Every structure is written in structure tokens, then in C-alpha cells.
N, C-alpha and C. Protein backbone atom coordinates (compact mmCIF):
# COMPACT_ATOMS: atom_id res chain seq x y z
N UNK A 1 16.80 4.51 -24.95
CA UNK A 1 16.13 3.21 -24.99
C UNK A 1 15.01 3.22 -23.97
N UNK A 2 13.79 3.06 -24.43
CA UNK A 2 12.63 3.10 -23.54
C UNK A 2 11.83 1.82 -23.61
N UNK A 3 12.51 0.68 -23.48
CA UNK A 3 11.86 -0.61 -23.44
C UNK A 3 11.13 -0.72 -22.10
N UNK A 4 9.79 -0.72 -22.09
CA UNK A 4 9.05 -0.71 -20.83
C UNK A 4 9.32 -1.93 -19.95
N UNK A 5 9.52 -3.09 -20.55
CA UNK A 5 9.79 -4.30 -19.76
C UNK A 5 11.15 -4.18 -19.08
N UNK A 6 12.14 -3.70 -19.82
CA UNK A 6 13.47 -3.52 -19.25
C UNK A 6 13.43 -2.48 -18.12
N UNK A 7 12.78 -1.35 -18.37
CA UNK A 7 12.71 -0.32 -17.34
C UNK A 7 11.99 -0.82 -16.09
N UNK A 8 10.92 -1.55 -16.26
CA UNK A 8 10.20 -2.09 -15.10
C UNK A 8 11.06 -3.10 -14.35
N UNK A 9 11.79 -3.94 -15.07
CA UNK A 9 12.68 -4.92 -14.44
C UNK A 9 13.78 -4.23 -13.64
N UNK A 10 14.37 -3.20 -14.23
CA UNK A 10 15.41 -2.44 -13.53
C UNK A 10 14.83 -1.77 -12.29
N UNK A 11 13.64 -1.21 -12.43
CA UNK A 11 13.00 -0.53 -11.31
C UNK A 11 12.74 -1.50 -10.16
N UNK A 12 12.21 -2.69 -10.47
CA UNK A 12 11.89 -3.67 -9.42
C UNK A 12 13.17 -4.17 -8.74
N UNK A 13 14.19 -4.51 -9.53
CA UNK A 13 15.45 -4.98 -8.94
C UNK A 13 16.07 -3.89 -8.07
N UNK A 14 16.02 -2.67 -8.52
CA UNK A 14 16.57 -1.57 -7.73
C UNK A 14 15.80 -1.38 -6.42
N UNK A 15 14.48 -1.54 -6.48
CA UNK A 15 13.66 -1.43 -5.27
C UNK A 15 14.09 -2.50 -4.25
N UNK A 16 14.27 -3.72 -4.71
CA UNK A 16 14.68 -4.82 -3.82
C UNK A 16 16.04 -4.50 -3.19
N UNK A 17 16.99 -4.05 -3.99
CA UNK A 17 18.32 -3.72 -3.47
C UNK A 17 18.25 -2.54 -2.50
N UNK A 18 17.40 -1.55 -2.81
CA UNK A 18 17.25 -0.40 -1.92
C UNK A 18 16.63 -0.80 -0.58
N UNK A 19 15.69 -1.73 -0.59
CA UNK A 19 15.10 -2.21 0.66
C UNK A 19 16.14 -2.94 1.50
N UNK A 20 16.99 -3.72 0.85
CA UNK A 20 18.08 -4.39 1.58
C UNK A 20 19.02 -3.34 2.17
N UNK A 21 19.33 -2.30 1.40
CA UNK A 21 20.17 -1.21 1.90
C UNK A 21 19.57 -0.61 3.17
N UNK A 22 18.30 -0.27 3.11
CA UNK A 22 17.66 0.38 4.25
C UNK A 22 17.60 -0.54 5.46
N UNK A 23 17.29 -1.80 5.24
CA UNK A 23 17.24 -2.78 6.32
C UNK A 23 18.56 -2.81 7.09
N UNK A 24 19.66 -2.92 6.35
CA UNK A 24 20.97 -3.01 7.00
C UNK A 24 21.45 -1.65 7.52
N UNK A 25 21.01 -0.55 6.90
CA UNK A 25 21.37 0.77 7.39
C UNK A 25 20.78 1.01 8.78
N UNK A 26 19.51 0.70 8.94
CA UNK A 26 18.86 0.88 10.24
C UNK A 26 19.60 0.08 11.30
N UNK A 27 20.09 -1.09 10.94
CA UNK A 27 20.80 -1.95 11.88
C UNK A 27 22.28 -1.62 11.98
N UNK A 28 22.69 -0.56 11.26
CA UNK A 28 24.06 -0.07 11.27
C UNK A 28 25.06 -1.16 10.87
N UNK A 29 24.72 -1.88 9.81
CA UNK A 29 25.60 -2.91 9.27
C UNK A 29 26.29 -2.36 8.04
N UNK A 30 27.56 -2.51 8.02
CA UNK A 30 28.38 -1.96 6.95
C UNK A 30 27.98 -2.46 5.56
N UNK A 31 27.48 -3.67 5.48
CA UNK A 31 27.09 -4.25 4.19
C UNK A 31 25.99 -3.44 3.50
N UNK A 32 25.30 -2.60 4.24
CA UNK A 32 24.24 -1.78 3.64
C UNK A 32 24.77 -1.00 2.44
N UNK A 33 26.00 -0.55 2.53
CA UNK A 33 26.56 0.29 1.47
C UNK A 33 26.74 -0.48 0.16
N UNK A 34 27.01 -1.77 0.24
CA UNK A 34 27.15 -2.59 -0.98
C UNK A 34 25.81 -2.64 -1.72
N UNK A 35 24.73 -2.91 -0.97
CA UNK A 35 23.40 -2.94 -1.59
C UNK A 35 23.05 -1.56 -2.16
N UNK A 36 23.38 -0.52 -1.42
CA UNK A 36 23.08 0.84 -1.87
C UNK A 36 23.82 1.21 -3.14
N UNK A 37 25.05 0.79 -3.25
CA UNK A 37 25.84 1.09 -4.45
C UNK A 37 25.20 0.44 -5.68
N UNK A 38 24.87 -0.84 -5.59
CA UNK A 38 24.28 -1.54 -6.74
C UNK A 38 22.91 -0.99 -7.09
N UNK A 39 22.11 -0.67 -6.08
CA UNK A 39 20.79 -0.07 -6.34
C UNK A 39 20.95 1.28 -7.04
N UNK A 40 21.95 2.03 -6.64
CA UNK A 40 22.18 3.35 -7.23
C UNK A 40 22.65 3.26 -8.67
N UNK A 41 23.48 2.28 -8.98
CA UNK A 41 23.93 2.10 -10.36
C UNK A 41 22.72 1.85 -11.27
N UNK A 42 21.82 0.99 -10.83
CA UNK A 42 20.61 0.73 -11.62
C UNK A 42 19.73 1.98 -11.71
N UNK A 43 19.68 2.74 -10.63
CA UNK A 43 18.83 3.92 -10.60
C UNK A 43 19.32 5.03 -11.53
N UNK A 44 20.62 5.12 -11.74
CA UNK A 44 21.16 6.11 -12.68
C UNK A 44 20.52 5.89 -14.05
N UNK A 45 20.56 4.65 -14.50
CA UNK A 45 19.97 4.30 -15.79
C UNK A 45 18.48 4.63 -15.81
N UNK A 46 17.77 4.26 -14.76
CA UNK A 46 16.33 4.44 -14.70
C UNK A 46 15.94 5.92 -14.69
N UNK A 47 16.63 6.73 -13.91
CA UNK A 47 16.30 8.15 -13.82
C UNK A 47 16.59 8.87 -15.13
N UNK A 48 17.70 8.52 -15.75
CA UNK A 48 18.03 9.13 -17.03
C UNK A 48 16.97 8.78 -18.08
N UNK A 49 16.54 7.54 -18.09
CA UNK A 49 15.52 7.10 -19.05
C UNK A 49 14.18 7.81 -18.82
N UNK A 50 13.95 8.29 -17.61
CA UNK A 50 12.70 8.98 -17.27
C UNK A 50 12.86 10.50 -17.23
N UNK A 51 13.94 11.02 -17.79
CA UNK A 51 14.20 12.46 -17.90
C UNK A 51 14.19 13.17 -16.54
N UNK A 52 14.65 12.46 -15.52
CA UNK A 52 14.87 13.08 -14.21
C UNK A 52 16.38 13.19 -14.03
N UNK A 53 16.95 14.20 -14.68
CA UNK A 53 18.39 14.31 -14.78
C UNK A 53 19.07 14.65 -13.46
N UNK A 54 18.43 15.48 -12.64
CA UNK A 54 19.00 15.76 -11.31
C UNK A 54 19.02 14.49 -10.48
N UNK A 55 17.97 13.70 -10.58
CA UNK A 55 17.92 12.43 -9.84
C UNK A 55 19.01 11.49 -10.34
N UNK A 56 19.26 11.46 -11.66
CA UNK A 56 20.33 10.61 -12.19
C UNK A 56 21.68 11.02 -11.59
N UNK A 57 21.92 12.32 -11.51
CA UNK A 57 23.16 12.80 -10.88
C UNK A 57 23.19 12.44 -9.39
N UNK A 58 22.03 12.52 -8.75
CA UNK A 58 21.95 12.17 -7.34
C UNK A 58 22.37 10.71 -7.13
N UNK A 59 21.88 9.83 -7.98
CA UNK A 59 22.23 8.42 -7.82
C UNK A 59 23.70 8.17 -8.13
N UNK A 60 24.30 8.95 -9.00
CA UNK A 60 25.74 8.87 -9.21
C UNK A 60 26.46 9.27 -7.92
N UNK A 61 25.97 10.33 -7.29
CA UNK A 61 26.51 10.76 -6.00
C UNK A 61 26.35 9.65 -4.96
N UNK A 62 25.20 8.94 -4.98
CA UNK A 62 24.98 7.84 -4.05
C UNK A 62 26.01 6.74 -4.22
N UNK A 63 26.42 6.48 -5.45
CA UNK A 63 27.46 5.47 -5.68
C UNK A 63 28.75 5.90 -4.97
N UNK A 64 29.15 7.14 -5.19
CA UNK A 64 30.38 7.66 -4.57
C UNK A 64 30.25 7.65 -3.05
N UNK A 65 29.11 8.11 -2.54
CA UNK A 65 28.92 8.16 -1.09
C UNK A 65 28.78 6.75 -0.51
N UNK A 66 28.31 5.81 -1.31
CA UNK A 66 28.26 4.42 -0.86
C UNK A 66 29.66 3.88 -0.59
N UNK A 67 30.58 4.20 -1.47
CA UNK A 67 31.97 3.79 -1.26
C UNK A 67 32.53 4.51 -0.02
N UNK A 68 32.26 5.81 0.08
CA UNK A 68 32.71 6.58 1.25
C UNK A 68 32.11 6.02 2.54
N UNK A 69 30.81 5.75 2.53
CA UNK A 69 30.16 5.19 3.71
C UNK A 69 30.73 3.85 4.10
N UNK A 70 30.98 3.00 3.12
CA UNK A 70 31.56 1.68 3.39
C UNK A 70 32.91 1.81 4.07
N UNK A 71 33.74 2.70 3.55
CA UNK A 71 35.07 2.92 4.15
C UNK A 71 34.94 3.57 5.52
N UNK A 72 34.08 4.57 5.62
CA UNK A 72 33.95 5.37 6.84
C UNK A 72 33.39 4.58 8.01
N UNK A 73 32.50 3.64 7.74
CA UNK A 73 31.87 2.90 8.84
C UNK A 73 32.80 1.89 9.48
N UNK A 74 33.89 1.53 8.85
CA UNK A 74 34.86 0.61 9.45
C UNK A 74 34.39 -0.83 9.45
N UNK A 75 35.34 -1.73 9.65
CA UNK A 75 35.05 -3.15 9.55
C UNK A 75 34.59 -3.78 10.84
N UNK A 76 34.99 -3.26 11.97
CA UNK A 76 34.64 -3.94 13.21
C UNK A 76 34.05 -2.97 14.22
N UNK A 77 33.53 -3.52 15.29
CA UNK A 77 32.85 -2.71 16.30
C UNK A 77 33.80 -1.69 16.95
N UNK A 78 35.07 -2.04 17.04
CA UNK A 78 36.04 -1.13 17.65
C UNK A 78 36.19 0.17 16.85
N UNK A 79 36.05 0.07 15.55
CA UNK A 79 36.21 1.24 14.68
C UNK A 79 34.88 1.83 14.24
N UNK A 80 33.79 1.38 14.82
CA UNK A 80 32.47 1.86 14.40
C UNK A 80 32.30 3.34 14.72
N UNK A 81 31.70 4.00 13.79
CA UNK A 81 31.36 5.40 13.95
C UNK A 81 30.17 5.50 14.89
N UNK A 82 30.20 6.46 15.81
CA UNK A 82 29.11 6.64 16.77
C UNK A 82 28.08 7.62 16.21
N UNK A 83 26.84 7.44 16.63
CA UNK A 83 25.77 8.34 16.23
C UNK A 83 26.02 9.70 16.89
N UNK A 84 25.84 10.75 16.09
CA UNK A 84 26.04 12.12 16.59
C UNK A 84 24.87 12.99 16.15
N UNK A 85 24.90 14.26 16.55
CA UNK A 85 23.87 15.20 16.14
C UNK A 85 24.54 16.52 15.77
N UNK A 86 23.91 17.24 14.84
CA UNK A 86 24.40 18.55 14.42
C UNK A 86 23.77 19.64 15.28
N UNK A 87 24.48 20.74 15.39
CA UNK A 87 23.95 21.91 16.08
C UNK A 87 22.95 22.62 15.17
N UNK A 88 22.08 23.48 15.74
CA UNK A 88 21.15 24.24 14.90
C UNK A 88 21.87 25.10 13.85
N UNK A 89 23.03 25.63 14.18
CA UNK A 89 23.78 26.45 13.23
C UNK A 89 24.24 25.59 12.05
N UNK A 90 24.69 24.39 12.31
CA UNK A 90 25.12 23.50 11.24
C UNK A 90 23.94 23.17 10.33
N UNK A 91 22.76 22.98 10.92
CA UNK A 91 21.56 22.73 10.11
C UNK A 91 21.23 23.94 9.23
N UNK A 92 21.40 25.14 9.75
CA UNK A 92 21.16 26.34 8.93
C UNK A 92 22.11 26.40 7.75
N UNK A 93 23.37 26.08 7.99
CA UNK A 93 24.34 26.02 6.88
C UNK A 93 23.91 24.98 5.85
N UNK A 94 23.47 23.82 6.33
CA UNK A 94 23.03 22.75 5.43
C UNK A 94 21.81 23.19 4.62
N UNK A 95 20.86 23.86 5.25
CA UNK A 95 19.67 24.34 4.54
C UNK A 95 20.06 25.38 3.49
N UNK A 96 20.96 26.28 3.84
CA UNK A 96 21.41 27.30 2.90
C UNK A 96 22.11 26.64 1.70
N UNK A 97 22.98 25.68 1.98
CA UNK A 97 23.66 24.97 0.91
C UNK A 97 22.65 24.23 0.02
N UNK A 98 21.66 23.59 0.64
CA UNK A 98 20.63 22.89 -0.12
C UNK A 98 19.86 23.81 -1.04
N UNK A 99 19.53 24.99 -0.55
CA UNK A 99 18.81 25.97 -1.38
C UNK A 99 19.66 26.43 -2.56
N UNK A 100 20.94 26.67 -2.31
CA UNK A 100 21.84 27.06 -3.41
C UNK A 100 21.93 25.97 -4.48
N UNK A 101 22.07 24.72 -4.05
CA UNK A 101 22.16 23.62 -5.00
C UNK A 101 20.84 23.48 -5.76
N UNK A 102 19.73 23.58 -5.05
CA UNK A 102 18.41 23.50 -5.67
C UNK A 102 18.25 24.55 -6.77
N UNK A 103 18.56 25.79 -6.44
CA UNK A 103 18.40 26.86 -7.43
C UNK A 103 19.35 26.68 -8.62
N UNK A 104 20.57 26.28 -8.34
CA UNK A 104 21.53 26.07 -9.43
C UNK A 104 21.12 24.94 -10.36
N UNK A 105 20.81 23.80 -9.79
CA UNK A 105 20.42 22.64 -10.60
C UNK A 105 19.08 22.88 -11.30
N UNK A 106 18.13 23.42 -10.56
CA UNK A 106 16.81 23.66 -11.13
C UNK A 106 16.89 24.60 -12.32
N UNK A 107 17.64 25.69 -12.17
CA UNK A 107 17.78 26.66 -13.26
C UNK A 107 18.49 26.04 -14.46
N UNK A 108 19.57 25.32 -14.19
CA UNK A 108 20.31 24.69 -15.29
C UNK A 108 19.43 23.71 -16.06
N UNK A 109 18.81 22.78 -15.36
CA UNK A 109 18.02 21.75 -16.05
C UNK A 109 16.74 22.32 -16.66
N UNK A 110 16.23 23.41 -16.12
CA UNK A 110 15.05 24.06 -16.71
C UNK A 110 15.41 24.72 -18.03
N UNK A 111 16.57 25.38 -18.07
CA UNK A 111 16.97 26.14 -19.26
C UNK A 111 17.67 25.29 -20.32
N UNK A 112 18.44 24.31 -19.90
CA UNK A 112 19.34 23.62 -20.82
C UNK A 112 18.88 22.23 -21.26
N UNK A 113 17.83 21.70 -20.66
CA UNK A 113 17.42 20.34 -20.99
C UNK A 113 15.90 20.27 -21.12
N UNK A 114 15.44 19.12 -21.44
CA UNK A 114 14.01 18.84 -21.51
C UNK A 114 13.55 18.14 -20.22
N UNK A 115 14.21 18.43 -19.12
CA UNK A 115 13.91 17.76 -17.86
C UNK A 115 12.46 18.00 -17.44
N UNK A 116 11.87 16.97 -16.88
CA UNK A 116 10.54 17.09 -16.30
C UNK A 116 10.68 17.56 -14.85
N UNK A 117 9.85 18.50 -14.45
CA UNK A 117 9.83 19.00 -13.07
C UNK A 117 11.23 19.38 -12.57
N UNK A 118 11.95 20.24 -13.27
CA UNK A 118 13.36 20.48 -12.93
C UNK A 118 13.58 21.03 -11.51
N UNK A 119 12.69 21.88 -11.02
CA UNK A 119 12.90 22.43 -9.67
C UNK A 119 12.49 21.44 -8.59
N UNK A 120 11.45 20.67 -8.85
CA UNK A 120 11.06 19.63 -7.90
C UNK A 120 12.15 18.57 -7.82
N UNK A 121 12.64 18.19 -8.98
CA UNK A 121 13.72 17.22 -9.09
C UNK A 121 14.96 17.74 -8.37
N UNK A 122 15.28 19.00 -8.56
CA UNK A 122 16.46 19.61 -7.93
C UNK A 122 16.30 19.71 -6.41
N UNK A 123 15.07 19.98 -5.94
CA UNK A 123 14.83 20.01 -4.49
C UNK A 123 15.17 18.67 -3.87
N UNK A 124 14.61 17.62 -4.45
CA UNK A 124 14.86 16.28 -3.95
C UNK A 124 16.34 15.95 -3.98
N UNK A 125 16.99 16.30 -5.07
CA UNK A 125 18.41 16.00 -5.22
C UNK A 125 19.27 16.80 -4.24
N UNK A 126 19.04 18.09 -4.16
CA UNK A 126 19.88 18.95 -3.31
C UNK A 126 19.86 18.49 -1.86
N UNK A 127 18.67 18.25 -1.34
CA UNK A 127 18.60 17.89 0.07
C UNK A 127 18.93 16.42 0.32
N UNK A 128 18.79 15.59 -0.71
CA UNK A 128 19.24 14.21 -0.58
C UNK A 128 20.76 14.12 -0.51
N UNK A 129 21.44 15.04 -1.21
CA UNK A 129 22.91 15.10 -1.10
C UNK A 129 23.31 15.32 0.35
N UNK A 130 22.64 16.26 0.98
CA UNK A 130 22.95 16.59 2.37
C UNK A 130 22.59 15.43 3.30
N UNK A 131 21.39 14.88 3.11
CA UNK A 131 20.95 13.77 3.96
C UNK A 131 21.85 12.55 3.81
N UNK A 132 22.33 12.31 2.60
CA UNK A 132 23.23 11.18 2.37
C UNK A 132 24.55 11.39 3.10
N UNK A 133 25.09 12.60 3.03
CA UNK A 133 26.32 12.88 3.78
C UNK A 133 26.08 12.65 5.27
N UNK A 134 24.93 13.11 5.76
CA UNK A 134 24.61 12.92 7.18
C UNK A 134 24.57 11.43 7.53
N UNK A 135 24.03 10.64 6.62
CA UNK A 135 23.93 9.20 6.81
C UNK A 135 25.32 8.57 6.93
N UNK A 136 26.24 8.98 6.06
CA UNK A 136 27.59 8.40 6.09
C UNK A 136 28.34 8.76 7.36
N UNK A 137 27.94 9.87 7.98
CA UNK A 137 28.58 10.32 9.22
C UNK A 137 27.77 9.95 10.46
N UNK A 138 26.65 9.25 10.26
CA UNK A 138 25.74 8.82 11.33
C UNK A 138 25.22 10.02 12.14
N UNK A 139 24.69 11.01 11.43
CA UNK A 139 24.05 12.16 12.06
C UNK A 139 22.58 11.82 12.26
N UNK A 140 22.13 11.81 13.49
CA UNK A 140 20.78 11.37 13.84
C UNK A 140 19.68 12.08 13.05
N UNK A 141 19.74 13.38 12.95
CA UNK A 141 18.67 14.14 12.30
C UNK A 141 18.63 13.94 10.79
N UNK A 142 19.60 13.26 10.23
CA UNK A 142 19.53 12.91 8.82
C UNK A 142 18.26 12.12 8.51
N UNK A 143 17.81 11.33 9.48
CA UNK A 143 16.56 10.58 9.30
C UNK A 143 15.38 11.51 9.12
N UNK A 144 15.37 12.65 9.79
CA UNK A 144 14.25 13.60 9.64
C UNK A 144 14.26 14.18 8.23
N UNK A 145 15.43 14.51 7.74
CA UNK A 145 15.54 14.97 6.35
C UNK A 145 14.94 13.92 5.42
N UNK A 146 15.30 12.64 5.68
CA UNK A 146 14.83 11.56 4.81
C UNK A 146 13.32 11.37 4.87
N UNK A 147 12.72 11.53 6.03
CA UNK A 147 11.27 11.38 6.12
C UNK A 147 10.59 12.36 5.17
N UNK A 148 11.01 13.61 5.24
CA UNK A 148 10.44 14.66 4.38
C UNK A 148 10.74 14.36 2.91
N UNK A 149 11.99 14.06 2.62
CA UNK A 149 12.40 13.82 1.23
C UNK A 149 11.71 12.59 0.63
N UNK A 150 11.56 11.55 1.41
CA UNK A 150 10.93 10.34 0.89
C UNK A 150 9.47 10.58 0.52
N UNK A 151 8.76 11.32 1.34
CA UNK A 151 7.36 11.61 1.03
C UNK A 151 7.25 12.51 -0.20
N UNK A 152 8.13 13.51 -0.29
CA UNK A 152 8.13 14.39 -1.45
C UNK A 152 8.48 13.62 -2.73
N UNK A 153 9.51 12.78 -2.64
CA UNK A 153 9.96 12.04 -3.81
C UNK A 153 8.92 11.00 -4.24
N UNK A 154 8.18 10.45 -3.29
CA UNK A 154 7.09 9.53 -3.66
C UNK A 154 6.10 10.24 -4.57
N UNK A 155 5.79 11.47 -4.24
CA UNK A 155 4.88 12.27 -5.08
C UNK A 155 5.49 12.48 -6.47
N UNK A 156 6.79 12.84 -6.51
CA UNK A 156 7.46 13.10 -7.79
C UNK A 156 7.48 11.85 -8.67
N UNK A 157 7.82 10.72 -8.09
CA UNK A 157 7.87 9.48 -8.86
C UNK A 157 6.47 9.06 -9.31
N UNK A 158 5.48 9.30 -8.47
CA UNK A 158 4.10 9.00 -8.86
C UNK A 158 3.71 9.83 -10.08
N UNK A 159 4.09 11.11 -10.08
CA UNK A 159 3.80 11.99 -11.23
C UNK A 159 4.47 11.47 -12.50
N UNK A 160 5.59 10.81 -12.38
CA UNK A 160 6.32 10.26 -13.53
C UNK A 160 5.87 8.83 -13.85
N UNK A 161 4.86 8.34 -13.16
CA UNK A 161 4.32 6.99 -13.37
C UNK A 161 5.35 5.91 -13.04
N UNK A 162 6.23 6.21 -12.13
CA UNK A 162 7.22 5.24 -11.64
C UNK A 162 6.67 4.68 -10.33
N UNK A 163 5.67 3.85 -10.46
CA UNK A 163 4.89 3.42 -9.30
C UNK A 163 5.67 2.57 -8.31
N UNK A 164 6.58 1.74 -8.79
CA UNK A 164 7.39 0.94 -7.88
C UNK A 164 8.29 1.84 -7.03
N UNK A 165 8.88 2.83 -7.67
CA UNK A 165 9.73 3.77 -6.93
C UNK A 165 8.90 4.65 -5.99
N UNK A 166 7.72 5.05 -6.42
CA UNK A 166 6.85 5.83 -5.54
C UNK A 166 6.52 5.01 -4.30
N UNK A 167 6.18 3.74 -4.51
CA UNK A 167 5.91 2.85 -3.37
C UNK A 167 7.13 2.67 -2.49
N UNK A 168 8.30 2.54 -3.11
CA UNK A 168 9.54 2.42 -2.35
C UNK A 168 9.74 3.64 -1.46
N UNK A 169 9.49 4.83 -2.00
CA UNK A 169 9.70 6.04 -1.21
C UNK A 169 8.71 6.12 -0.03
N UNK A 170 7.50 5.63 -0.22
CA UNK A 170 6.55 5.59 0.90
C UNK A 170 7.04 4.61 1.98
N UNK A 171 7.54 3.46 1.54
CA UNK A 171 8.11 2.51 2.49
C UNK A 171 9.32 3.13 3.18
N UNK A 172 10.16 3.81 2.39
CA UNK A 172 11.31 4.51 2.97
C UNK A 172 10.87 5.51 4.04
N UNK A 173 9.78 6.22 3.78
CA UNK A 173 9.29 7.19 4.76
C UNK A 173 8.98 6.52 6.08
N UNK A 174 8.31 5.39 6.04
CA UNK A 174 7.98 4.64 7.27
C UNK A 174 9.25 4.13 7.93
N UNK A 175 10.14 3.53 7.13
CA UNK A 175 11.37 2.99 7.69
C UNK A 175 12.31 4.09 8.18
N UNK A 176 12.24 5.26 7.57
CA UNK A 176 13.05 6.38 8.05
C UNK A 176 12.60 6.79 9.45
N UNK A 177 11.31 6.77 9.68
CA UNK A 177 10.81 7.05 11.02
C UNK A 177 11.30 5.98 11.99
N UNK A 178 11.23 4.72 11.59
CA UNK A 178 11.73 3.63 12.44
C UNK A 178 13.23 3.77 12.69
N UNK A 179 13.98 4.13 11.63
CA UNK A 179 15.41 4.32 11.77
C UNK A 179 15.74 5.44 12.74
N UNK A 180 14.99 6.54 12.62
CA UNK A 180 15.19 7.66 13.54
C UNK A 180 14.97 7.22 14.98
N UNK A 181 13.89 6.51 15.24
CA UNK A 181 13.58 6.08 16.61
C UNK A 181 14.63 5.11 17.14
N UNK A 182 15.08 4.19 16.29
CA UNK A 182 16.10 3.22 16.71
C UNK A 182 17.43 3.91 16.98
N UNK A 183 17.85 4.78 16.06
CA UNK A 183 19.11 5.48 16.27
C UNK A 183 19.03 6.43 17.45
N UNK A 184 17.89 7.08 17.65
CA UNK A 184 17.74 8.01 18.78
C UNK A 184 17.88 7.27 20.10
N UNK A 185 17.31 6.07 20.17
CA UNK A 185 17.43 5.27 21.38
C UNK A 185 18.90 4.95 21.66
N UNK A 186 19.63 4.55 20.62
CA UNK A 186 21.05 4.25 20.82
C UNK A 186 21.84 5.52 21.15
N UNK A 187 21.50 6.63 20.50
CA UNK A 187 22.18 7.90 20.75
C UNK A 187 21.99 8.31 22.22
N UNK A 188 20.78 8.15 22.73
CA UNK A 188 20.52 8.47 24.14
C UNK A 188 21.31 7.56 25.07
N UNK A 189 21.48 6.30 24.68
CA UNK A 189 22.28 5.37 25.50
C UNK A 189 23.76 5.74 25.47
N UNK A 190 24.22 6.27 24.32
CA UNK A 190 25.63 6.69 24.20
C UNK A 190 25.94 7.84 25.14
N UNK A 191 24.94 8.74 25.32
CA UNK A 191 25.17 9.91 26.13
C UNK A 191 25.21 9.50 27.56
């Protein structure tokens, strides 16, 4: 179903929900995950309709990780997860895993489907999986992953004429920088 009015409506509503998610994520409010889950459900439909199949799977993953993040962040300040950082070795493992996922998904969707930009799509998806996990565990450098991914994904969505999502990713890039600076300040205070 490629009703342009419906797709644009879904895209705009998802953008609004995603902005609410990011706003509350930066402020480390547990409710962010509720907004993220609903935005991701809408995004699954939107990405599938635009033949970005890796992205559709990514948004399905976001739904699952949204539930995990909601549970993991705890209900009160006493049970709040603290901001942490990964070692360089852990980052190397994450990069290696991301490359494996990228190659696997890119090859599959290139050979088996009519996916548009299968390797670009897989790059965004593979490393977003890792960055999302980092987010649920409050890993500070996850914001750096997001800055890069948001700018790359803005380009990808622009190529697919998904202008609202491209704009959202540019806004995400700016807010990811703000999130990094805010979390880094708190992380330094924790130490």
C-alpha cells in the first residue's frame, strides 16, 4: 500500500514521537522508551513501504530494545542505571560485530530482495543495533555512534525522498551532540 497521504501522515507522527523520545532520553527519563516504542512501530510500516528492509528490521529491534530499556532503567532514582563508558577493546569488538552484521544483511538484501541501497541500509542498521544497546545500558560513547549514524541516515532518507525523516535525522545529529555533552558532564560528576 503506497498511499502518499497515509505514508506522509505516518512519517510526521513518527517524527513527533521520535522527538519526544530524544527529549526524554537526554534527560534520562524512563518515559522516553514509551515514545520510542510507538515511534518504532510506525517506522516499521514506513520503512517497509519504502523498501528499506534492513531499516524495517532495525525498527522492530527498537521496539524490543524499547521494552528492555524501559525495564532496565528502573522506576525510581534509587534503581537508576549510572552512565558508564566502554574500553577501547570493547569498542573494537562492537565495530567488528557491526561489520559482520553489515556484510550479512547487505549481502542478503542485495541478493534476495529488491531493497534500495542494501549495503547503505545495512550499515545504518548494523551500527544502530549497537548504538541502541549502548543507549539502554547508558554507555556515554553511544552518543558518538549516533552522531555519525544520524548524519549518514539523513543522507539515506533524503535519497529515498523521505524528507521528514531526513530532517529528523539532522535534528537527531544536533541533539545527539547535546546528549553527549550533557551525559559527559554527569559522567564526570559521577567519577
